[in-house]
Amino acid sequence: MKRLLTALTAIAWLLPALATAGPATLNHPGRLLAANCFQCHGTDGYGMESLAGEKASEIIDELQEMQFEPARQDIMAVHAQAYTAEEINLIADYFSKQPK
Protein backbone atom coordinates (compact mmCIF):
# COMPACT_ATOMS: atom_id res chain seq x y z
CA MET A 1 0.00 0.00 0.00
CA LYS A 2 2.82 2.38 0.87
CA ARG A 3 4.48 1.75 -2.52
CA LEU A 4 1.23 2.46 -4.30
CA LEU A 5 0.80 5.76 -2.45
CA THR A 6 4.39 6.69 -3.23
CA ALA A 7 3.87 5.91 -6.92
CA LEU A 8 0.61 7.85 -7.06
CA THR A 9 2.23 10.82 -5.32
CA ALA A 10 5.08 10.78 -7.85
CA ILE A 11 2.65 10.64 -10.76
CA ALA A 12 0.56 13.49 -9.32
CA TRP A 13 3.73 15.56 -8.90
CA LEU A 14 4.78 15.01 -12.51
CA LEU A 15 1.41 15.52 -14.22
CA PRO A 16 1.56 19.35 -14.36
CA ALA A 17 5.05 19.20 -15.86
CA LEU A 18 4.02 16.61 -18.41
CA ALA A 19 0.93 18.60 -19.35
CA THR A 20 2.91 21.77 -20.07
CA ALA A 21 6.09 20.27 -21.46
CA GLY A 22 6.33 20.00 -25.20
CA PRO A 23 7.76 16.97 -26.99
CA ALA A 24 11.06 18.79 -27.51
CA THR A 25 11.67 19.18 -23.77
CA LEU A 26 10.34 15.76 -22.78
CA ASN A 27 12.83 14.12 -25.13
CA HIS A 28 15.64 16.59 -24.47
CA PRO A 29 18.90 14.76 -23.63
CA GLY A 30 19.53 17.15 -20.72
CA ARG A 31 16.24 16.34 -18.98
CA LEU A 32 17.53 13.19 -17.29
CA LEU A 33 20.70 14.96 -16.16
CA ALA A 34 18.64 17.89 -14.89
CA ALA A 35 16.58 15.51 -12.74
CA ASN A 36 19.08 16.14 -9.92
CA CYS A 37 18.05 19.81 -10.08
CA PHE A 38 14.30 19.18 -9.98
CA GLN A 39 14.02 18.87 -6.19
CA CYS A 40 14.90 22.54 -5.69
CA HIS A 41 14.49 24.12 -9.12
CA GLY A 42 11.37 22.23 -10.21
CA THR A 43 10.87 19.88 -13.16
CA ASP A 44 10.58 22.76 -15.60
CA GLY A 45 12.81 25.18 -13.73
CA TYR A 46 10.04 26.76 -11.63
CA GLY A 47 11.23 26.11 -8.11
CA MET A 48 13.00 27.97 -5.32
CA GLU A 49 15.26 29.67 -7.81
CA SER A 50 13.74 29.69 -11.25
CA LEU A 51 15.96 28.49 -14.08
CA ALA A 52 13.25 28.38 -16.72
CA GLY A 53 14.16 30.49 -19.71
CA GLU A 54 17.50 31.61 -18.30
CA LYS A 55 20.28 31.98 -20.84
CA ALA A 56 22.21 28.73 -21.16
CA SER A 57 25.48 30.67 -20.98
CA GLU A 58 24.51 32.09 -17.57
CA ILE A 59 23.67 28.65 -16.18
CA ILE A 60 26.92 27.25 -17.58
CA ASP A 61 28.94 30.09 -16.04
CA GLU A 62 27.36 29.55 -12.61
CA LEU A 63 27.94 25.79 -12.65
CA GLN A 64 31.52 26.17 -13.85
CA GLU A 65 32.24 28.67 -11.07
CA MET A 66 30.97 26.12 -8.56
CA GLN A 67 33.17 23.42 -10.06
CA PHE A 68 36.30 25.43 -9.41
CA GLU A 69 35.54 26.49 -5.84
CA PRO A 70 37.04 23.59 -3.88
CA ALA A 71 36.21 25.19 -0.52
CA ARG A 72 32.53 25.31 -1.43
CA GLN A 73 30.78 22.17 -0.22
CA ASP A 74 27.06 22.95 -0.48
CA ILE A 75 24.71 20.76 -2.50
CA MET A 76 25.03 22.91 -5.63
CA ALA A 77 28.81 22.64 -5.63
CA VAL A 78 28.68 18.89 -5.07
CA HIS A 79 26.37 18.46 -8.06
CA ALA A 80 28.34 20.85 -10.26
CA GLN A 81 31.63 19.16 -9.47
CA ALA A 82 30.22 15.81 -10.56
CA TYR A 83 29.23 16.92 -14.08
CA THR A 84 31.36 16.97 -17.19
CA ALA A 85 31.40 20.07 -19.40
CA GLU A 86 29.12 18.33 -21.91
CA GLU A 87 26.62 17.39 -19.20
CA ILE A 88 26.56 20.97 -17.92
CA ASN A 89 25.89 22.17 -21.46
CA LEU A 90 22.97 19.74 -21.80
CA ILE A 91 21.47 20.75 -18.45
CA ALA A 92 21.80 24.44 -19.25
CA ASP A 93 20.26 23.93 -22.68
CA TYR A 94 17.33 22.02 -21.17
CA PHE A 95 16.48 24.75 -18.64
CA SER A 96 17.01 27.55 -21.15
CA LYS A 97 14.35 26.01 -23.41
CA GLN A 98 11.68 26.01 -20.70
CA PRO A 99 9.15 28.83 -21.08
CA LYS A 100 9.46 31.65 -18.54
PDB file of N, CA and C in Angstrom:
ATOM      1  N   MET A   1       0.821  -1.194   0.000  1.00  0.00           N
ATOM      2  CA  MET A   1       0.000   0.000   0.000  1.00  0.00           C
ATOM      3  C   MET A   1       0.868   1.262   0.000  1.00  0.00           C
ATOM      4  N   LYS A   2       1.942   1.219   0.796  1.00  0.00           N
ATOM      5  CA  LYS A   2       2.825   2.379   0.869  1.00  0.00           C
ATOM      6  C   LYS A   2       3.488   2.647  -0.487  1.00  0.00           C
ATOM      7  N   ARG A   3       3.880   1.586  -1.190  1.00  0.00           N
ATOM      8  CA  ARG A   3       4.482   1.751  -2.520  1.00  0.00           C
ATOM      9  C   ARG A   3       3.484   2.362  -3.503  1.00  0.00           C
ATOM     10  N   LEU A   4       2.253   1.928  -3.421  1.00  0.00           N
ATOM     11  CA  LEU A   4       1.226   2.465  -4.302  1.00  0.00           C
ATOM     12  C   LEU A   4       1.023   3.958  -4.053  1.00  0.00           C
ATOM     13  N   LEU A   5       0.955   4.339  -2.775  1.00  0.00           N
ATOM     14  CA  LEU A   5       0.797   5.755  -2.447  1.00  0.00           C
ATOM     15  C   LEU A   5       2.002   6.558  -2.916  1.00  0.00           C
ATOM     16  N   THR A   6       3.181   6.004  -2.764  1.00  0.00           N
ATOM     17  CA  THR A   6       4.393   6.689  -3.229  1.00  0.00           C
ATOM     18  C   THR A   6       4.347   6.871  -4.739  1.00  0.00           C
ATOM     19  N   ALA A   7       3.958   5.834  -5.455  1.00  0.00           N
ATOM     20  CA  ALA A   7       3.874   5.907  -6.922  1.00  0.00           C
ATOM     21  C   ALA A   7       2.818   6.922  -7.357  1.00  0.00           C
ATOM     22  N   LEU A   8       1.676   6.910  -6.712  1.00  0.00           N
ATOM     23  CA  LEU A   8       0.611   7.852  -7.059  1.00  0.00           C
ATOM     24  C   LEU A   8       1.024   9.294  -6.762  1.00  0.00           C
ATOM     25  N   THR A   9       1.735   9.485  -5.663  1.00  0.00           N
ATOM     26  CA  THR A   9       2.229  10.821  -5.325  1.00  0.00           C
ATOM     27  C   THR A   9       3.210  11.299  -6.385  1.00  0.00           C
ATOM     28  N   ALA A  10       4.104  10.425  -6.816  1.00  0.00           N
ATOM     29  CA  ALA A  10       5.084  10.784  -7.845  1.00  0.00           C
ATOM     30  C   ALA A  10       4.388  11.144  -9.157  1.00  0.00           C
ATOM     31  N   ILE A  11       3.385  10.363  -9.518  1.00  0.00           N
ATOM     32  CA  ILE A  11       2.648  10.637 -10.757  1.00  0.00           C
ATOM     33  C   ILE A  11       1.918  11.979 -10.647  1.00  0.00           C
ATOM     34  N   ALA A  12       1.273  12.221  -9.513  1.00  0.00           N
ATOM     35  CA  ALA A  12       0.556  13.489  -9.322  1.00  0.00           C
ATOM     36  C   ALA A  12       1.516  14.670  -9.381  1.00  0.00           C
ATOM     37  N   TRP A  13       2.720  14.492  -8.883  1.00  0.00           N
ATOM     38  CA  TRP A  13       3.728  15.556  -8.898  1.00  0.00           C
ATOM     39  C   TRP A  13       4.183  15.852 -10.329  1.00  0.00           C
ATOM     40  N   LEU A  14       4.279  14.833 -11.155  1.00  0.00           N
ATOM     41  CA  LEU A  14       4.783  15.008 -12.508  1.00  0.00           C
ATOM     42  C   LEU A  14       3.721  15.444 -13.525  1.00  0.00           C
ATOM     43  N   LEU A  15       2.459  15.215 -13.248  1.00  0.00           N
ATOM     44  CA  LEU A  15       1.412  15.520 -14.225  1.00  0.00           C
ATOM     45  C   LEU A  15       1.422  16.967 -14.714  1.00  0.00           C
ATOM     46  N   PRO A  16       1.535  17.971 -13.833  1.00  0.00           N
ATOM     47  CA  PRO A  16       1.561  19.348 -14.364  1.00  0.00           C
ATOM     48  C   PRO A  16       2.737  19.588 -15.312  1.00  0.00           C
ATOM     49  N   ALA A  17       3.882  19.026 -14.988  1.00  0.00           N
ATOM     50  CA  ALA A  17       5.050  19.204 -15.859  1.00  0.00           C
ATOM     51  C   ALA A  17       4.838  18.518 -17.191  1.00  0.00           C
ATOM     52  N   LEU A  18       4.258  17.338 -17.165  1.00  0.00           N
ATOM     53  CA  LEU A  18       4.019  16.608 -18.405  1.00  0.00           C
ATOM     54  C   LEU A  18       2.957  17.299 -19.256  1.00  0.00           C
ATOM     55  N   ALA A  19       1.992  17.926 -18.607  1.00  0.00           N
ATOM     56  CA  ALA A  19       0.929  18.598 -19.345  1.00  0.00           C
ATOM     57  C   ALA A  19       1.431  19.846 -20.066  1.00  0.00           C
ATOM     58  N   THR A  20       2.425  20.534 -19.478  1.00  0.00           N
ATOM     59  CA  THR A  20       2.906  21.772 -20.072  1.00  0.00           C
ATOM     60  C   THR A  20       4.159  21.580 -20.913  1.00  0.00           C
ATOM     61  N   ALA A  21       4.851  20.483 -20.720  1.00  0.00           N
ATOM     62  CA  ALA A  21       6.093  20.270 -21.461  1.00  0.00           C
ATOM     63  C   ALA A  21       5.781  19.830 -22.883  1.00  0.00           C
ATOM     64  N   GLY A  22       6.492  20.398 -23.809  1.00  0.00           N
ATOM     65  CA  GLY A  22       6.334  20.001 -25.195  1.00  0.00           C
ATOM     66  C   GLY A  22       7.201  18.795 -25.503  1.00  0.00           C
ATOM     67  N   PRO A  23       6.976  18.146 -26.624  1.00  0.00           N
ATOM     68  CA  PRO A  23       7.759  16.975 -26.991  1.00  0.00           C
ATOM     69  C   PRO A  23       9.260  17.253 -27.031  1.00  0.00           C
ATOM     70  N   ALA A  24       9.623  18.463 -27.416  1.00  0.00           N
ATOM     71  CA  ALA A  24      11.057  18.795 -27.508  1.00  0.00           C
ATOM     72  C   ALA A  24      11.723  18.738 -26.149  1.00  0.00           C
ATOM     73  N   THR A  25      11.041  19.196 -25.085  1.00  0.00           N
ATOM     74  CA  THR A  25      11.672  19.180 -23.768  1.00  0.00           C
ATOM     75  C   THR A  25      11.541  17.827 -23.094  1.00  0.00           C
ATOM     76  N   LEU A  26      10.474  17.094 -23.374  1.00  0.00           N
ATOM     77  CA  LEU A  26      10.340  15.762 -22.778  1.00  0.00           C
ATOM     78  C   LEU A  26      11.418  14.821 -23.296  1.00  0.00           C
ATOM     79  N   ASN A  27      11.817  14.987 -24.533  1.00  0.00           N
ATOM     80  CA  ASN A  27      12.830  14.118 -25.133  1.00  0.00           C
ATOM     81  C   ASN A  27      14.215  14.743 -25.131  1.00  0.00           C
ATOM     82  N   HIS A  28      14.358  15.886 -24.487  1.00  0.00           N
ATOM     83  CA  HIS A  28      15.638  16.589 -24.471  1.00  0.00           C
ATOM     84  C   HIS A  28      16.680  15.745 -23.722  1.00  0.00           C
ATOM     85  N   PRO A  29      17.872  15.587 -24.280  1.00  0.00           N
ATOM     86  CA  PRO A  29      18.898  14.759 -23.626  1.00  0.00           C
ATOM     87  C   PRO A  29      19.366  15.313 -22.283  1.00  0.00           C
ATOM     88  N   GLY A  30      19.132  16.581 -22.005  1.00  0.00           N
ATOM     89  CA  GLY A  30      19.533  17.153 -20.719  1.00  0.00           C
ATOM     90  C   GLY A  30      18.519  16.943 -19.619  1.00  0.00           C
ATOM     91  N   ARG A  31      17.300  16.509 -19.981  1.00  0.00           N
ATOM     92  CA  ARG A  31      16.244  16.339 -18.976  1.00  0.00           C
ATOM     93  C   ARG A  31      16.620  15.324 -17.900  1.00  0.00           C
ATOM     94  N   LEU A  32      17.148  14.199 -18.274  1.00  0.00           N
ATOM     95  CA  LEU A  32      17.529  13.186 -17.287  1.00  0.00           C
ATOM     96  C   LEU A  32      18.645  13.708 -16.383  1.00  0.00           C
ATOM     97  N   LEU A  33      19.625  14.377 -16.964  1.00  0.00           N
ATOM     98  CA  LEU A  33      20.701  14.960 -16.164  1.00  0.00           C
ATOM     99  C   LEU A  33      20.158  16.033 -15.224  1.00  0.00           C
ATOM    100  N   ALA A  34      19.207  16.808 -15.691  1.00  0.00           N
ATOM    101  CA  ALA A  34      18.635  17.885 -14.891  1.00  0.00           C
ATOM    102  C   ALA A  34      17.749  17.358 -13.768  1.00  0.00           C
ATOM    103  N   ALA A  35      17.435  16.082 -13.783  1.00  0.00           N
ATOM    104  CA  ALA A  35      16.583  15.508 -12.739  1.00  0.00           C
ATOM    105  C   ALA A  35      17.155  15.754 -11.340  1.00  0.00           C
ATOM    106  N   ASN A  36      18.468  15.829 -11.222  1.00  0.00           N
ATOM    107  CA  ASN A  36      19.076  16.142  -9.923  1.00  0.00           C
ATOM    108  C   ASN A  36      18.713  17.555  -9.467  1.00  0.00           C
ATOM    109  N   CYS A  37      18.369  18.406 -10.383  1.00  0.00           N
ATOM    110  CA  CYS A  37      18.053  19.806 -10.083  1.00  0.00           C
ATOM    111  C   CYS A  37      16.582  19.993  -9.718  1.00  0.00           C
ATOM    112  N   PHE A  38      15.741  19.030 -10.103  1.00  0.00           N
ATOM    113  CA  PHE A  38      14.297  19.177  -9.983  1.00  0.00           C
ATOM    114  C   PHE A  38      13.818  19.378  -8.547  1.00  0.00           C
ATOM    115  N   GLN A  39      14.478  18.769  -7.578  1.00  0.00           N
ATOM    116  CA  GLN A  39      14.021  18.867  -6.194  1.00  0.00           C
ATOM    117  C   GLN A  39      13.923  20.331  -5.743  1.00  0.00           C
ATOM    118  N   CYS A  40      14.909  21.132  -6.101  1.00  0.00           N
ATOM    119  CA  CYS A  40      14.905  22.543  -5.693  1.00  0.00           C
ATOM    120  C   CYS A  40      14.416  23.479  -6.794  1.00  0.00           C
ATOM    121  N   HIS A  41      14.792  23.194  -8.019  1.00  0.00           N
ATOM    122  CA  HIS A  41      14.493  24.116  -9.118  1.00  0.00           C
ATOM    123  C   HIS A  41      13.226  23.754  -9.885  1.00  0.00           C
ATOM    124  N   GLY A  42      12.607  22.632  -9.561  1.00  0.00           N
ATOM    125  CA  GLY A  42      11.367  22.227 -10.215  1.00  0.00           C
ATOM    126  C   GLY A  42      11.625  21.509 -11.536  1.00  0.00           C
ATOM    127  N   THR A  43      10.679  20.692 -11.964  1.00  0.00           N
ATOM    128  CA  THR A  43      10.872  19.885 -13.165  1.00  0.00           C
ATOM    129  C   THR A  43      11.016  20.710 -14.427  1.00  0.00           C
ATOM    130  N   ASP A  44      10.447  21.887 -14.429  1.00  0.00           N
ATOM    131  CA  ASP A  44      10.584  22.759 -15.597  1.00  0.00           C
ATOM    132  C   ASP A  44      11.328  24.040 -15.254  1.00  0.00           C
ATOM    133  N   GLY A  45      12.024  24.019 -14.126  1.00  0.00           N
ATOM    134  CA  GLY A  45      12.809  25.183 -13.730  1.00  0.00           C
ATOM    135  C   GLY A  45      12.047  26.203 -12.910  1.00  0.00           C
ATOM    136  N   TYR A  46      10.837  25.846 -12.444  1.00  0.00           N
ATOM    137  CA  TYR A  46      10.035  26.760 -11.634  1.00  0.00           C
ATOM    138  C   TYR A  46      10.038  26.303 -10.187  1.00  0.00           C
ATOM    139  N   GLY A  47      11.133  26.520  -9.505  1.00  0.00           N
ATOM    140  CA  GLY A  47      11.232  26.114  -8.111  1.00  0.00           C
ATOM    141  C   GLY A  47      11.715  27.266  -7.258  1.00  0.00           C
ATOM    142  N   MET A  48      12.491  26.939  -6.239  1.00  0.00           N
ATOM    143  CA  MET A  48      13.001  27.971  -5.317  1.00  0.00           C
ATOM    144  C   MET A  48      13.711  29.087  -6.073  1.00  0.00           C
ATOM    145  N   GLU A  49      14.583  28.706  -6.937  1.00  0.00           N
ATOM    146  CA  GLU A  49      15.261  29.665  -7.810  1.00  0.00           C
ATOM    147  C   GLU A  49      14.950  29.250  -9.235  1.00  0.00           C
ATOM    148  N   SER A  50      14.179  30.055  -9.912  1.00  0.00           N
ATOM    149  CA  SER A  50      13.744  29.695 -11.254  1.00  0.00           C
ATOM    150  C   SER A  50      14.904  29.669 -12.238  1.00  0.00           C
ATOM    151  N   LEU A  51      14.970  28.607 -13.010  1.00  0.00           N
ATOM    152  CA  LEU A  51      15.959  28.487 -14.078  1.00  0.00           C
ATOM    153  C   LEU A  51      15.291  28.530 -15.448  1.00  0.00           C
ATOM    154  N   ALA A  52      13.979  28.429 -15.459  1.00  0.00           N
ATOM    155  CA  ALA A  52      13.247  28.382 -16.722  1.00  0.00           C
ATOM    156  C   ALA A  52      13.512  29.622 -17.556  1.00  0.00           C
ATOM    157  N   GLY A  53      13.943  29.405 -18.780  1.00  0.00           N
ATOM    158  CA  GLY A  53      14.156  30.492 -19.712  1.00  0.00           C
ATOM    159  C   GLY A  53      15.426  31.299 -19.495  1.00  0.00           C
ATOM    160  N   GLU A  54      16.223  30.916 -18.505  1.00  0.00           N
ATOM    161  CA  GLU A  54      17.504  31.609 -18.304  1.00  0.00           C
ATOM    162  C   GLU A  54      18.419  31.317 -19.484  1.00  0.00           C
ATOM    163  N   LYS A  55      19.324  32.217 -19.762  1.00  0.00           N
ATOM    164  CA  LYS A  55      20.280  31.976 -20.842  1.00  0.00           C
ATOM    165  C   LYS A  55      21.165  30.794 -20.460  1.00  0.00           C
ATOM    166  N   ALA A  56      21.360  29.896 -21.405  1.00  0.00           N
ATOM    167  CA  ALA A  56      22.207  28.726 -21.159  1.00  0.00           C
ATOM    168  C   ALA A  56      23.603  29.154 -20.722  1.00  0.00           C
ATOM    169  N   SER A  57      24.118  30.216 -21.327  1.00  0.00           N
ATOM    170  CA  SER A  57      25.475  30.670 -20.983  1.00  0.00           C
ATOM    171  C   SER A  57      25.575  31.093 -19.523  1.00  0.00           C
ATOM    172  N   GLU A  58      24.506  31.680 -18.977  1.00  0.00           N
ATOM    173  CA  GLU A  58      24.511  32.085 -17.568  1.00  0.00           C
ATOM    174  C   GLU A  58      24.509  30.869 -16.646  1.00  0.00           C
ATOM    175  N   ILE A  59      23.712  29.873 -16.986  1.00  0.00           N
ATOM    176  CA  ILE A  59      23.666  28.652 -16.179  1.00  0.00           C
ATOM    177  C   ILE A  59      25.020  27.950 -16.230  1.00  0.00           C
ATOM    178  N   ILE A  60      25.600  27.878 -17.410  1.00  0.00           N
ATOM    179  CA  ILE A  60      26.922  27.250 -17.576  1.00  0.00           C
ATOM    180  C   ILE A  60      27.963  27.984 -16.736  1.00  0.00           C
ATOM    181  N   ASP A  61      27.975  29.302 -16.816  1.00  0.00           N
ATOM    182  CA  ASP A  61      28.944  30.088 -16.036  1.00  0.00           C
ATOM    183  C   ASP A  61      28.821  29.811 -14.544  1.00  0.00           C
ATOM    184  N   GLU A  62      27.585  29.788 -14.041  1.00  0.00           N
ATOM    185  CA  GLU A  62      27.361  29.546 -12.613  1.00  0.00           C
ATOM    186  C   GLU A  62      27.862  28.164 -12.199  1.00  0.00           C
ATOM    187  N   LEU A  63      27.519  27.152 -12.994  1.00  0.00           N
ATOM    188  CA  LEU A  63      27.940  25.793 -12.647  1.00  0.00           C
ATOM    189  C   LEU A  63      29.460  25.630 -12.742  1.00  0.00           C
ATOM    190  N   GLN A  64      30.059  26.259 -13.721  1.00  0.00           N
ATOM    191  CA  GLN A  64      31.521  26.174 -13.846  1.00  0.00           C
ATOM    192  C   GLN A  64      32.217  26.877 -12.690  1.00  0.00           C
ATOM    193  N   GLU A  65      31.670  27.995 -12.239  1.00  0.00           N
ATOM    194  CA  GLU A  65      32.237  28.665 -11.069  1.00  0.00           C
ATOM    195  C   GLU A  65      32.215  27.733  -9.871  1.00  0.00           C
ATOM    196  N   MET A  66      31.109  27.042  -9.691  1.00  0.00           N
ATOM    197  CA  MET A  66      30.969  26.123  -8.561  1.00  0.00           C
ATOM    198  C   MET A  66      31.937  24.952  -8.662  1.00  0.00           C
ATOM    199  N   GLN A  67      32.231  24.533  -9.869  1.00  0.00           N
ATOM    200  CA  GLN A  67      33.165  23.419 -10.062  1.00  0.00           C
ATOM    201  C   GLN A  67      34.566  23.768  -9.579  1.00  0.00           C
ATOM    202  N   PHE A  68      34.934  25.032  -9.708  1.00  0.00           N
ATOM    203  CA  PHE A  68      36.301  25.430  -9.413  1.00  0.00           C
ATOM    204  C   PHE A  68      36.437  26.150  -8.080  1.00  0.00           C
ATOM    205  N   GLU A  69      35.465  25.969  -7.202  1.00  0.00           N
ATOM    206  CA  GLU A  69      35.543  26.495  -5.840  1.00  0.00           C
ATOM    207  C   GLU A  69      35.669  25.313  -4.893  1.00  0.00           C
ATOM    208  N   PRO A  70      36.878  24.796  -4.696  1.00  0.00           N
ATOM    209  CA  PRO A  70      37.043  23.588  -3.885  1.00  0.00           C
ATOM    210  C   PRO A  70      36.597  23.753  -2.433  1.00  0.00           C
ATOM    211  N   ALA A  71      36.623  24.974  -1.905  1.00  0.00           N
ATOM    212  CA  ALA A  71      36.208  25.185  -0.523  1.00  0.00           C
ATOM    213  C   ALA A  71      34.688  25.122  -0.376  1.00  0.00           C
ATOM    214  N   ARG A  72      33.993  25.324  -1.475  1.00  0.00           N
ATOM    215  CA  ARG A  72      32.532  25.312  -1.433  1.00  0.00           C
ATOM    216  C   ARG A  72      32.046  23.875  -1.387  1.00  0.00           C
ATOM    217  N   GLN A  73      31.246  23.541  -0.392  1.00  0.00           N
ATOM    218  CA  GLN A  73      30.783  22.170  -0.222  1.00  0.00           C
ATOM    219  C   GLN A  73      29.264  22.057  -0.096  1.00  0.00           C
ATOM    220  N   ASP A  74      28.518  23.066  -0.546  1.00  0.00           N
ATOM    221  CA  ASP A  74      27.064  22.953  -0.475  1.00  0.00           C
ATOM    222  C   ASP A  74      26.567  22.014  -1.576  1.00  0.00           C
ATOM    223  N   ILE A  75      25.278  21.750  -1.571  1.00  0.00           N
ATOM    224  CA  ILE A  75      24.708  20.765  -2.500  1.00  0.00           C
ATOM    225  C   ILE A  75      24.906  21.170  -3.962  1.00  0.00           C
ATOM    226  N   MET A  76      24.827  22.461  -4.251  1.00  0.00           N
ATOM    227  CA  MET A  76      25.029  22.911  -5.628  1.00  0.00           C
ATOM    228  C   MET A  76      26.457  22.621  -6.095  1.00  0.00           C
ATOM    229  N   ALA A  77      27.415  22.884  -5.257  1.00  0.00           N
ATOM    230  CA  ALA A  77      28.813  22.636  -5.626  1.00  0.00           C
ATOM    231  C   ALA A  77      29.065  21.150  -5.819  1.00  0.00           C
ATOM    232  N   VAL A  78      28.494  20.345  -4.954  1.00  0.00           N
ATOM    233  CA  VAL A  78      28.679  18.888  -5.066  1.00  0.00           C
ATOM    234  C   VAL A  78      28.124  18.390  -6.398  1.00  0.00           C
ATOM    235  N   HIS A  79      26.944  18.856  -6.770  1.00  0.00           N
ATOM    236  CA  HIS A  79      26.371  18.461  -8.064  1.00  0.00           C
ATOM    237  C   HIS A  79      27.233  18.978  -9.215  1.00  0.00           C
ATOM    238  N   ALA A  80      27.565  20.251  -9.171  1.00  0.00           N
ATOM    239  CA  ALA A  80      28.337  20.855 -10.263  1.00  0.00           C
ATOM    240  C   ALA A  80      29.671  20.151 -10.460  1.00  0.00           C
ATOM    241  N   GLN A  81      30.317  19.795  -9.386  1.00  0.00           N
ATOM    242  CA  GLN A  81      31.631  19.164  -9.468  1.00  0.00           C
ATOM    243  C   GLN A  81      31.567  17.753 -10.047  1.00  0.00           C
ATOM    244  N   ALA A  82      30.367  17.171 -10.053  1.00  0.00           N
ATOM    245  CA  ALA A  82      30.219  15.810 -10.565  1.00  0.00           C
ATOM    246  C   ALA A  82      29.936  15.761 -12.070  1.00  0.00           C
ATOM    247  N   TYR A  83      29.583  16.895 -12.663  1.00  0.00           N
ATOM    248  CA  TYR A  83      29.226  16.917 -14.081  1.00  0.00           C
ATOM    249  C   TYR A  83      30.421  17.209 -14.979  1.00  0.00           C
ATOM    250  N   THR A  84      30.373  16.633 -16.164  1.00  0.00           N
ATOM    251  CA  THR A  84      31.357  16.971 -17.193  1.00  0.00           C
ATOM    252  C   THR A  84      30.899  18.263 -17.870  1.00  0.00           C
ATOM    253  N   ALA A  85      31.765  18.851 -18.666  1.00  0.00           N
ATOM    254  CA  ALA A  85      31.403  20.073 -19.404  1.00  0.00           C
ATOM    255  C   ALA A  85      30.224  19.805 -20.339  1.00  0.00           C
ATOM    256  N   GLU A  86      30.217  18.667 -20.994  1.00  0.00           N
ATOM    257  CA  GLU A  86      29.121  18.332 -21.914  1.00  0.00           C
ATOM    258  C   GLU A  86      27.805  18.172 -21.151  1.00  0.00           C
ATOM    259  N   GLU A  87      27.838  17.545 -19.992  1.00  0.00           N
ATOM    260  CA  GLU A  87      26.622  17.387 -19.195  1.00  0.00           C
ATOM    261  C   GLU A  87      26.087  18.742 -18.729  1.00  0.00           C
ATOM    262  N   ILE A  88      26.982  19.625 -18.322  1.00  0.00           N
ATOM    263  CA  ILE A  88      26.563  20.972 -17.922  1.00  0.00           C
ATOM    264  C   ILE A  88      25.905  21.690 -19.093  1.00  0.00           C
ATOM    265  N   ASN A  89      26.480  21.551 -20.272  1.00  0.00           N
ATOM    266  CA  ASN A  89      25.886  22.174 -21.463  1.00  0.00           C
ATOM    267  C   ASN A  89      24.481  21.643 -21.728  1.00  0.00           C
ATOM    268  N   LEU A  90      24.278  20.344 -21.574  1.00  0.00           N
ATOM    269  CA  LEU A  90      22.966  19.743 -21.802  1.00  0.00           C
ATOM    270  C   LEU A  90      21.944  20.222 -20.770  1.00  0.00           C
ATOM    271  N   ILE A  91      22.360  20.283 -19.517  1.00  0.00           N
ATOM    272  CA  ILE A  91      21.468  20.749 -18.446  1.00  0.00           C
ATOM    273  C   ILE A  91      21.072  22.201 -18.701  1.00  0.00           C
ATOM    274  N   ALA A  92      22.061  23.023 -19.001  1.00  0.00           N
ATOM    275  CA  ALA A  92      21.802  24.443 -19.250  1.00  0.00           C
ATOM    276  C   ALA A  92      20.886  24.620 -20.450  1.00  0.00           C
ATOM    277  N   ASP A  93      21.102  23.845 -21.493  1.00  0.00           N
ATOM    278  CA  ASP A  93      20.257  23.934 -22.682  1.00  0.00           C
ATOM    279  C   ASP A  93      18.828  23.526 -22.356  1.00  0.00           C
ATOM    280  N   TYR A  94      18.668  22.476 -21.559  1.00  0.00           N
ATOM    281  CA  TYR A  94      17.327  22.021 -21.172  1.00  0.00           C
ATOM    282  C   TYR A  94      16.565  23.137 -20.449  1.00  0.00           C
ATOM    283  N   PHE A  95      17.170  23.708 -19.399  1.00  0.00           N
ATOM    284  CA  PHE A  95      16.479  24.749 -18.642  1.00  0.00           C
ATOM    285  C   PHE A  95      16.247  26.010 -19.461  1.00  0.00           C
ATOM    286  N   SER A  96      17.168  26.337 -20.340  1.00  0.00           N
ATOM    287  CA  SER A  96      17.013  27.548 -21.151  1.00  0.00           C
ATOM    288  C   SER A  96      15.840  27.436 -22.121  1.00  0.00           C
ATOM    289  N   LYS A  97      15.447  26.227 -22.462  1.00  0.00           N
ATOM    290  CA  LYS A  97      14.352  26.007 -23.406  1.00  0.00           C
ATOM    291  C   LYS A  97      12.980  25.924 -22.726  1.00  0.00           C
ATOM    292  N   GLN A  98      12.956  26.021 -21.406  1.00  0.00           N
ATOM    293  CA  GLN A  98      11.683  26.013 -20.701  1.00  0.00           C
ATOM    294  C   GLN A  98      11.069  27.413 -20.775  1.00  0.00           C
ATOM    295  N   PRO A  99       9.773  27.503 -21.003  1.00  0.00           N
ATOM    296  CA  PRO A  99       9.153  28.828 -21.084  1.00  0.00           C
ATOM    297  C   PRO A  99       9.218  29.541 -19.733  1.00  0.00           C
ATOM    298  N   LYS A 100       9.417  30.861 -19.793  1.00  0.00           N
ATOM    299  CA  LYS A 100       9.464  31.651 -18.544  1.00  0.00           C
ATOM    300  C   LYS A 100       8.094  31.788 -17.958  1.00  0.00           C
TER     301      LYS A 100
END
